[in-house]
Amino acid sequence: MMLKKFAKLAFCLAPAALMVGCATQKAAPFDYTAFKAAKPASIVVLPPVNNSPEVVAPYSVLAQVSYPLAEAGYYVLPVALVDETFKQNGLTTATDIHAVSTSKLRQIFGADAALYVTIKDYGSTYAVVRSDIVVTASARLVDLRTGAELWNGTASASSAEQNNNGGGGLVGALVAAAVKQIIASTTDASHPIAGVASQRLLAAGHYNGMLYGPRSAHYATQQ
C-alpha cells in the first residue's frame, strides 16, 4: 500500500520536475555564422522604439548604449548626430526610423551595421510592500550591406537585485516602498538601471552576446 502511494506521488511530481528542468535549461547557442562573415566595424544606433509608458526612456537608453559597443571594439556613430540627421530629414518617431530601408541607412551614414533597440519596460512597479525599478530592452544588429540580421538579444535589470529591507516588519516595508516610489517619480531613478541593462545587452564576451569588434584585442580570438 505504501509503495503504491509513493509510486502515485512520483507520477504526479514527474511533470513538475520536468517543467523545472525545462525552465532552467540553458538557451541554445546563437548561430554567429552571418555575424562572423559580415565582420562589421561601424554601427549606427537608431533611436529606440519605446513600448513603456515613460517618455524619457528612449533618451536614457540611447545615451548609454554606445559605451558597451565601443568597449566591445566597434566604432559607433555619435547618437546625437544621428538623431539630428533624422530630424533634419523629417523623421522624428522611432517606428518611422526603424522602417527606413537598410540601403538608405547605408547611403546616409556609411555604417556597416545598424542597431535596432526596443524598450519593453522602463520605470517603477509598485506592489503593496515593495517598489522596484525595472528596465528591459531588446536589440537587433542588422547588416546594412545585405539587410541580414547578424545578432539579437534581450536583457533586463532591476533595482530588486540590490534590495535589502533590513527588517522593520510590514510597516517598515510599506514605508520603504512608498519612499522609493516618491523618489522614482520625482527623479529619473531608472537611468542607472538602464545603464546596467544596456551593459548586459550589448557587452561582448558573454554567452549568446555580441561578438567583439575589430578594435578589440579579443577580436582575433573569436574568428
C-alpha atoms as a PDB file:
ATOM      1  CA  MET A   1       0.000   0.000   0.000  1.00  0.00           C
ATOM      2  CA  MET A   2       2.821   2.355   0.959  1.00  0.00           C
ATOM      3  CA  LEU A   3       4.699   1.537  -2.268  1.00  0.00           C
ATOM      4  CA  LYS A   4       1.604   2.372  -4.289  1.00  0.00           C
ATOM      5  CA  LYS A   5       1.338   5.773  -2.574  1.00  0.00           C
ATOM      6  CA  PHE A   6       4.977   6.579  -3.319  1.00  0.00           C
ATOM      7  CA  ALA A   7       4.551   5.487  -6.926  1.00  0.00           C
ATOM      8  CA  LYS A   8       1.471   7.670  -7.291  1.00  0.00           C
ATOM      9  CA  LEU A   9       3.281  10.652  -5.733  1.00  0.00           C
ATOM     10  CA  ALA A  10       6.271  10.173  -8.033  1.00  0.00           C
ATOM     11  CA  PHE A  11       3.933  10.020 -11.039  1.00  0.00           C
ATOM     12  CA  CYS A  12       2.282  13.311 -10.003  1.00  0.00           C
ATOM     13  CA  LEU A  13       5.586  15.063  -9.365  1.00  0.00           C
ATOM     14  CA  ALA A  14       7.243  13.937 -12.583  1.00  0.00           C
ATOM     15  CA  PRO A  15       5.599  16.615 -14.811  1.00  0.00           C
ATOM     16  CA  ALA A  16       6.534  19.332 -12.300  1.00  0.00           C
ATOM     17  CA  ALA A  17      10.135  18.152 -12.197  1.00  0.00           C
ATOM     18  CA  LEU A  18      10.210  18.109 -15.984  1.00  0.00           C
ATOM     19  CA  MET A  19       8.875  21.661 -16.094  1.00  0.00           C
ATOM     20  CA  VAL A  20      11.554  22.856 -13.648  1.00  0.00           C
ATOM     21  CA  GLY A  21      14.231  21.157 -15.705  1.00  0.00           C
ATOM     22  CA  CYS A  22      12.980  22.867 -18.862  1.00  0.00           C
ATOM     23  CA  ALA A  23      12.744  26.241 -17.129  1.00  0.00           C
ATOM     24  CA  THR A  24      16.373  26.128 -16.054  1.00  0.00           C
ATOM     25  CA  GLN A  25      17.681  24.725 -19.350  1.00  0.00           C
ATOM     26  CA  LYS A  26      20.324  26.908 -20.983  1.00  0.00           C
ATOM     27  CA  ALA A  27      19.320  28.669 -24.183  1.00  0.00           C
ATOM     28  CA  ALA A  28      20.582  27.167 -27.421  1.00  0.00           C
ATOM     29  CA  PRO A  29      23.866  28.647 -28.672  1.00  0.00           C
ATOM     30  CA  PHE A  30      23.400  31.560 -31.067  1.00  0.00           C
ATOM     31  CA  ASP A  31      24.469  30.970 -34.659  1.00  0.00           C
ATOM     32  CA  TYR A  32      27.177  33.553 -35.346  1.00  0.00           C
ATOM     33  CA  THR A  33      27.896  32.420 -38.910  1.00  0.00           C
ATOM     34  CA  ALA A  34      26.419  35.522 -40.563  1.00  0.00           C
ATOM     35  CA  PHE A  35      27.942  37.815 -37.916  1.00  0.00           C
ATOM     36  CA  LYS A  36      31.461  36.453 -38.445  1.00  0.00           C
ATOM     37  CA  ALA A  37      31.106  36.580 -42.224  1.00  0.00           C
ATOM     38  CA  ALA A  38      29.900  40.199 -42.203  1.00  0.00           C
ATOM     39  CA  LYS A  39      32.689  41.467 -39.914  1.00  0.00           C
ATOM     40  CA  PRO A  40      31.006  44.811 -39.107  1.00  0.00           C
ATOM     41  CA  ALA A  41      33.356  47.527 -37.888  1.00  0.00           C
ATOM     42  CA  SER A  42      30.999  50.503 -37.581  1.00  0.00           C
ATOM     43  CA  ILE A  43      27.495  50.682 -36.111  1.00  0.00           C
ATOM     44  CA  VAL A  44      24.754  53.295 -36.321  1.00  0.00           C
ATOM     45  CA  VAL A  45      22.373  53.106 -33.346  1.00  0.00           C
ATOM     46  CA  LEU A  46      18.799  54.020 -34.271  1.00  0.00           C
ATOM     47  CA  PRO A  47      16.521  55.817 -31.771  1.00  0.00           C
ATOM     48  CA  PRO A  48      14.844  53.118 -29.631  1.00  0.00           C
ATOM     49  CA  VAL A  49      11.201  52.179 -30.062  1.00  0.00           C
ATOM     50  CA  ASN A  50       9.574  52.804 -26.687  1.00  0.00           C
ATOM     51  CA  ASN A  51       6.889  50.366 -25.559  1.00  0.00           C
ATOM     52  CA  SER A  52       6.984  51.610 -21.967  1.00  0.00           C
ATOM     53  CA  PRO A  53       4.801  54.448 -20.608  1.00  0.00           C
ATOM     54  CA  GLU A  54       7.837  56.616 -19.754  1.00  0.00           C
ATOM     55  CA  VAL A  55       8.600  59.325 -22.337  1.00  0.00           C
ATOM     56  CA  VAL A  56      12.192  59.706 -21.120  1.00  0.00           C
ATOM     57  CA  ALA A  57      13.006  56.036 -21.707  1.00  0.00           C
ATOM     58  CA  PRO A  58      14.385  56.359 -25.290  1.00  0.00           C
ATOM     59  CA  TYR A  59      16.719  59.219 -24.344  1.00  0.00           C
ATOM     60  CA  SER A  60      18.016  57.405 -21.272  1.00  0.00           C
ATOM     61  CA  VAL A  61      18.699  54.147 -23.097  1.00  0.00           C
ATOM     62  CA  LEU A  62      20.082  55.826 -26.223  1.00  0.00           C
ATOM     63  CA  ALA A  63      22.562  57.795 -24.098  1.00  0.00           C
ATOM     64  CA  GLN A  64      24.016  54.580 -22.660  1.00  0.00           C
ATOM     65  CA  VAL A  65      24.201  52.057 -25.491  1.00  0.00           C
ATOM     66  CA  SER A  66      27.284  53.497 -27.205  1.00  0.00           C
ATOM     67  CA  TYR A  67      29.642  52.733 -24.314  1.00  0.00           C
ATOM     68  CA  PRO A  68      29.346  48.917 -24.264  1.00  0.00           C
ATOM     69  CA  LEU A  69      29.525  48.829 -28.077  1.00  0.00           C
ATOM     70  CA  ALA A  70      32.670  50.977 -28.101  1.00  0.00           C
ATOM     71  CA  GLU A  71      34.177  48.852 -25.330  1.00  0.00           C
ATOM     72  CA  ALA A  72      33.415  45.793 -27.444  1.00  0.00           C
ATOM     73  CA  GLY A  73      35.567  47.195 -30.245  1.00  0.00           C
ATOM     74  CA  TYR A  74      33.185  48.960 -32.634  1.00  0.00           C
ATOM     75  CA  TYR A  75      33.115  52.479 -33.996  1.00  0.00           C
ATOM     76  CA  VAL A  76      29.724  53.887 -33.012  1.00  0.00           C
ATOM     77  CA  LEU A  77      28.395  56.900 -34.874  1.00  0.00           C
ATOM     78  CA  PRO A  78      27.583  59.734 -32.412  1.00  0.00           C
ATOM     79  CA  VAL A  79      23.961  59.172 -31.392  1.00  0.00           C
ATOM     80  CA  ALA A  80      23.177  62.892 -31.103  1.00  0.00           C
ATOM     81  CA  LEU A  81      24.394  63.493 -34.652  1.00  0.00           C
ATOM     82  CA  VAL A  82      22.403  60.528 -35.942  1.00  0.00           C
ATOM     83  CA  ASP A  83      19.249  61.721 -34.170  1.00  0.00           C
ATOM     84  CA  GLU A  84      19.660  65.243 -35.590  1.00  0.00           C
ATOM     85  CA  THR A  85      20.193  63.854 -39.096  1.00  0.00           C
ATOM     86  CA  PHE A  86      16.879  62.040 -38.908  1.00  0.00           C
ATOM     87  CA  LYS A  87      15.109  65.164 -37.657  1.00  0.00           C
ATOM     88  CA  GLN A  88      16.567  67.228 -40.493  1.00  0.00           C
ATOM     89  CA  ASN A  89      15.083  64.698 -42.895  1.00  0.00           C
ATOM     90  CA  GLY A  90      11.621  64.831 -41.305  1.00  0.00           C
ATOM     91  CA  LEU A  91      11.879  61.604 -39.309  1.00  0.00           C
ATOM     92  CA  THR A  92      11.014  62.214 -35.663  1.00  0.00           C
ATOM     93  CA  THR A  93       9.495  58.934 -34.469  1.00  0.00           C
ATOM     94  CA  ALA A  94      11.453  55.749 -33.825  1.00  0.00           C
ATOM     95  CA  THR A  95       8.930  53.489 -35.582  1.00  0.00           C
ATOM     96  CA  ASP A  96       9.281  55.509 -38.803  1.00  0.00           C
ATOM     97  CA  ILE A  97      13.072  55.472 -38.499  1.00  0.00           C
ATOM     98  CA  HIS A  98      13.132  51.707 -37.976  1.00  0.00           C
ATOM     99  CA  ALA A  99      11.111  51.375 -41.194  1.00  0.00           C
ATOM    100  CA  VAL A 100      13.804  53.100 -43.297  1.00  0.00           C
ATOM    101  CA  SER A 101      15.455  50.661 -45.693  1.00  0.00           C
ATOM    102  CA  THR A 102      18.890  49.325 -44.840  1.00  0.00           C
ATOM    103  CA  SER A 103      20.238  50.528 -48.184  1.00  0.00           C
ATOM    104  CA  LYS A 104      19.101  54.080 -47.386  1.00  0.00           C
ATOM    105  CA  LEU A 105      20.692  53.953 -43.930  1.00  0.00           C
ATOM    106  CA  ARG A 106      23.900  52.722 -45.520  1.00  0.00           C
ATOM    107  CA  GLN A 107      23.777  55.555 -48.053  1.00  0.00           C
ATOM    108  CA  ILE A 108      23.233  58.249 -45.392  1.00  0.00           C
ATOM    109  CA  PHE A 109      25.558  57.062 -42.623  1.00  0.00           C
ATOM    110  CA  GLY A 110      28.016  54.731 -44.351  1.00  0.00           C
ATOM    111  CA  ALA A 111      27.975  52.326 -41.393  1.00  0.00           C
ATOM    112  CA  ASP A 112      28.397  48.583 -41.757  1.00  0.00           C
ATOM    113  CA  ALA A 113      25.505  47.706 -39.443  1.00  0.00           C
ATOM    114  CA  ALA A 114      22.552  49.254 -37.639  1.00  0.00           C
ATOM    115  CA  LEU A 115      21.368  48.501 -34.109  1.00  0.00           C
ATOM    116  CA  TYR A 116      17.589  48.432 -33.641  1.00  0.00           C
ATOM    117  CA  VAL A 117      16.616  48.764 -29.965  1.00  0.00           C
ATOM    118  CA  THR A 118      13.163  48.228 -28.457  1.00  0.00           C
ATOM    119  CA  ILE A 119      12.338  49.152 -24.862  1.00  0.00           C
ATOM    120  CA  LYS A 120       9.811  46.886 -23.158  1.00  0.00           C
ATOM    121  CA  ASP A 121       9.999  48.067 -19.530  1.00  0.00           C
ATOM    122  CA  TYR A 122      11.289  51.310 -18.051  1.00  0.00           C
ATOM    123  CA  GLY A 123      10.296  52.672 -14.663  1.00  0.00           C
ATOM    124  CA  SER A 124       8.958  51.647 -11.294  1.00  0.00           C
ATOM    125  CA  THR A 125       6.476  48.947 -10.426  1.00  0.00           C
ATOM    126  CA  TYR A 126       4.610  49.167  -7.133  1.00  0.00           C
ATOM    127  CA  ALA A 127       3.189  46.098  -5.369  1.00  0.00           C
ATOM    128  CA  VAL A 128       1.993  46.633  -1.772  1.00  0.00           C
ATOM    129  CA  VAL A 129       5.229  46.167   0.210  1.00  0.00           C
ATOM    130  CA  ARG A 130       7.819  46.884  -2.445  1.00  0.00           C
ATOM    131  CA  SER A 131       8.585  49.232  -5.283  1.00  0.00           C
ATOM    132  CA  ASP A 132      11.095  48.153  -7.901  1.00  0.00           C
ATOM    133  CA  ILE A 133      12.560  49.824 -10.952  1.00  0.00           C
ATOM    134  CA  VAL A 134      12.763  47.567 -13.993  1.00  0.00           C
ATOM    135  CA  VAL A 135      14.352  48.193 -17.384  1.00  0.00           C
ATOM    136  CA  THR A 136      14.082  45.614 -20.156  1.00  0.00           C
ATOM    137  CA  ALA A 137      15.287  46.112 -23.717  1.00  0.00           C
ATOM    138  CA  SER A 138      15.923  44.020 -26.802  1.00  0.00           C
ATOM    139  CA  ALA A 139      18.198  44.708 -29.752  1.00  0.00           C
ATOM    140  CA  ARG A 140      18.826  43.517 -33.300  1.00  0.00           C
ATOM    141  CA  LEU A 141      22.053  44.062 -35.242  1.00  0.00           C
ATOM    142  CA  VAL A 142      21.410  44.238 -38.988  1.00  0.00           C
ATOM    143  CA  ASP A 143      23.960  44.296 -41.812  1.00  0.00           C
ATOM    144  CA  LEU A 144      23.284  47.455 -43.843  1.00  0.00           C
ATOM    145  CA  ARG A 145      25.055  45.999 -46.870  1.00  0.00           C
ATOM    146  CA  THR A 146      22.825  42.925 -47.191  1.00  0.00           C
ATOM    147  CA  GLY A 147      19.873  43.510 -44.842  1.00  0.00           C
ATOM    148  CA  ALA A 148      20.648  40.287 -42.984  1.00  0.00           C
ATOM    149  CA  GLU A 149      20.180  40.063 -39.234  1.00  0.00           C
ATOM    150  CA  LEU A 150      23.519  39.356 -37.594  1.00  0.00           C
ATOM    151  CA  TRP A 151      22.520  39.106 -33.938  1.00  0.00           C
ATOM    152  CA  ASN A 152      19.662  39.680 -31.495  1.00  0.00           C
ATOM    153  CA  GLY A 153      19.315  39.654 -27.742  1.00  0.00           C
ATOM    154  CA  THR A 154      17.304  40.782 -24.727  1.00  0.00           C
ATOM    155  CA  ALA A 155      18.419  41.956 -21.288  1.00  0.00           C
ATOM    156  CA  SER A 156      16.840  43.260 -18.123  1.00  0.00           C
ATOM    157  CA  ALA A 157      17.933  44.926 -14.890  1.00  0.00           C
ATOM    158  CA  SER A 158      16.036  45.688 -11.709  1.00  0.00           C
ATOM    159  CA  SER A 159      16.594  47.595  -8.509  1.00  0.00           C
ATOM    160  CA  ALA A 160      15.305  44.470  -6.735  1.00  0.00           C
ATOM    161  CA  GLU A 161      18.743  42.961  -7.291  1.00  0.00           C
ATOM    162  CA  GLN A 162      20.074  45.378  -4.678  1.00  0.00           C
ATOM    163  CA  ASN A 163      17.065  45.386  -2.368  1.00  0.00           C
ATOM    164  CA  ASN A 164      17.573  44.790   1.331  1.00  0.00           C
ATOM    165  CA  ASN A 165      14.649  45.724   3.553  1.00  0.00           C
ATOM    166  CA  GLY A 166      16.795  45.297   6.659  1.00  0.00           C
ATOM    167  CA  GLY A 167      13.873  44.311   8.875  1.00  0.00           C
ATOM    168  CA  GLY A 168      11.263  46.713  10.213  1.00  0.00           C
ATOM    169  CA  GLY A 169       8.328  44.407   9.565  1.00  0.00           C
ATOM    170  CA  LEU A 170       5.334  45.139   7.343  1.00  0.00           C
ATOM    171  CA  VAL A 171       5.066  48.830   8.291  1.00  0.00           C
ATOM    172  CA  GLY A 172       8.745  49.402   7.591  1.00  0.00           C
ATOM    173  CA  ALA A 173       8.453  47.649   4.211  1.00  0.00           C
ATOM    174  CA  LEU A 174       5.412  49.755   3.286  1.00  0.00           C
ATOM    175  CA  VAL A 175       7.184  52.988   4.207  1.00  0.00           C
ATOM    176  CA  ALA A 176      10.322  51.983   2.304  1.00  0.00           C
ATOM    177  CA  ALA A 177       8.283  51.110  -0.787  1.00  0.00           C
ATOM    178  CA  ALA A 178       6.397  54.422  -0.627  1.00  0.00           C
ATOM    179  CA  VAL A 179       9.620  56.420  -0.259  1.00  0.00           C
ATOM    180  CA  LYS A 180      11.214  54.625  -3.206  1.00  0.00           C
ATOM    181  CA  GLN A 181       8.104  55.284  -5.295  1.00  0.00           C
ATOM    182  CA  ILE A 182       8.222  59.014  -4.486  1.00  0.00           C
ATOM    183  CA  ILE A 183      11.928  59.227  -5.310  1.00  0.00           C
ATOM    184  CA  ALA A 184      11.394  57.375  -8.575  1.00  0.00           C
ATOM    185  CA  SER A 185       8.543  59.691  -9.562  1.00  0.00           C
ATOM    186  CA  THR A 186      10.482  62.891  -8.837  1.00  0.00           C
ATOM    187  CA  THR A 187      13.864  61.835 -10.263  1.00  0.00           C
ATOM    188  CA  ASP A 188      14.914  59.567 -13.101  1.00  0.00           C
ATOM    189  CA  ALA A 189      15.951  56.734 -10.825  1.00  0.00           C
ATOM    190  CA  SER A 190      15.582  54.383 -13.795  1.00  0.00           C
ATOM    191  CA  HIS A 191      18.559  55.900 -15.622  1.00  0.00           C
ATOM    192  CA  PRO A 192      21.324  53.953 -13.796  1.00  0.00           C
ATOM    193  CA  ILE A 193      19.239  50.770 -14.052  1.00  0.00           C
ATOM    194  CA  ALA A 194      19.014  51.386 -17.809  1.00  0.00           C
ATOM    195  CA  GLY A 195      22.806  51.573 -17.846  1.00  0.00           C
ATOM    196  CA  VAL A 196      23.051  48.120 -16.271  1.00  0.00           C
ATOM    197  CA  ALA A 197      20.521  46.711 -18.747  1.00  0.00           C
ATOM    198  CA  SER A 198      22.399  48.264 -21.687  1.00  0.00           C
ATOM    199  CA  GLN A 199      25.674  46.778 -20.475  1.00  0.00           C
ATOM    200  CA  ARG A 200      24.142  43.338 -20.121  1.00  0.00           C
ATOM    201  CA  LEU A 201      22.524  43.610 -23.531  1.00  0.00           C
ATOM    202  CA  LEU A 202      25.460  44.853 -25.590  1.00  0.00           C
ATOM    203  CA  ALA A 203      28.689  43.939 -23.796  1.00  0.00           C
ATOM    204  CA  ALA A 204      30.737  41.382 -25.727  1.00  0.00           C
ATOM    205  CA  GLY A 205      32.201  38.166 -24.407  1.00  0.00           C
ATOM    206  CA  HIS A 206      29.242  36.548 -22.660  1.00  0.00           C
ATOM    207  CA  TYR A 207      27.036  33.617 -23.711  1.00  0.00           C
ATOM    208  CA  ASN A 208      24.938  34.466 -26.797  1.00  0.00           C
ATOM    209  CA  GLY A 209      26.031  38.106 -26.522  1.00  0.00           C
ATOM    210  CA  MET A 210      27.597  40.473 -29.016  1.00  0.00           C
ATOM    211  CA  LEU A 211      30.867  39.477 -30.628  1.00  0.00           C
ATOM    212  CA  TYR A 212      33.962  41.623 -30.203  1.00  0.00           C
ATOM    213  CA  GLY A 213      34.599  44.226 -32.895  1.00  0.00           C
ATOM    214  CA  PRO A 214      37.833  44.786 -34.869  1.00  0.00           C
ATOM    215  CA  ARG A 215      39.043  47.493 -32.465  1.00  0.00           C
ATOM    216  CA  SER A 216      39.146  44.973 -29.599  1.00  0.00           C
ATOM    217  CA  ALA A 217      42.199  42.936 -28.634  1.00  0.00           C
ATOM    218  CA  HIS A 218      39.872  39.931 -28.332  1.00  0.00           C
ATOM    219  CA  TYR A 219      38.696  40.193 -31.939  1.00  0.00           C
ATOM    220  CA  ALA A 220      41.176  37.754 -33.451  1.00  0.00           C
ATOM    221  CA  THR A 221      40.440  35.061 -30.858  1.00  0.00           C
ATOM    222  CA  GLN A 222      36.796  34.668 -31.911  1.00  0.00           C
ATOM    223  CA  GLN A 223      37.277  34.496 -35.677  1.00  0.00           C
END
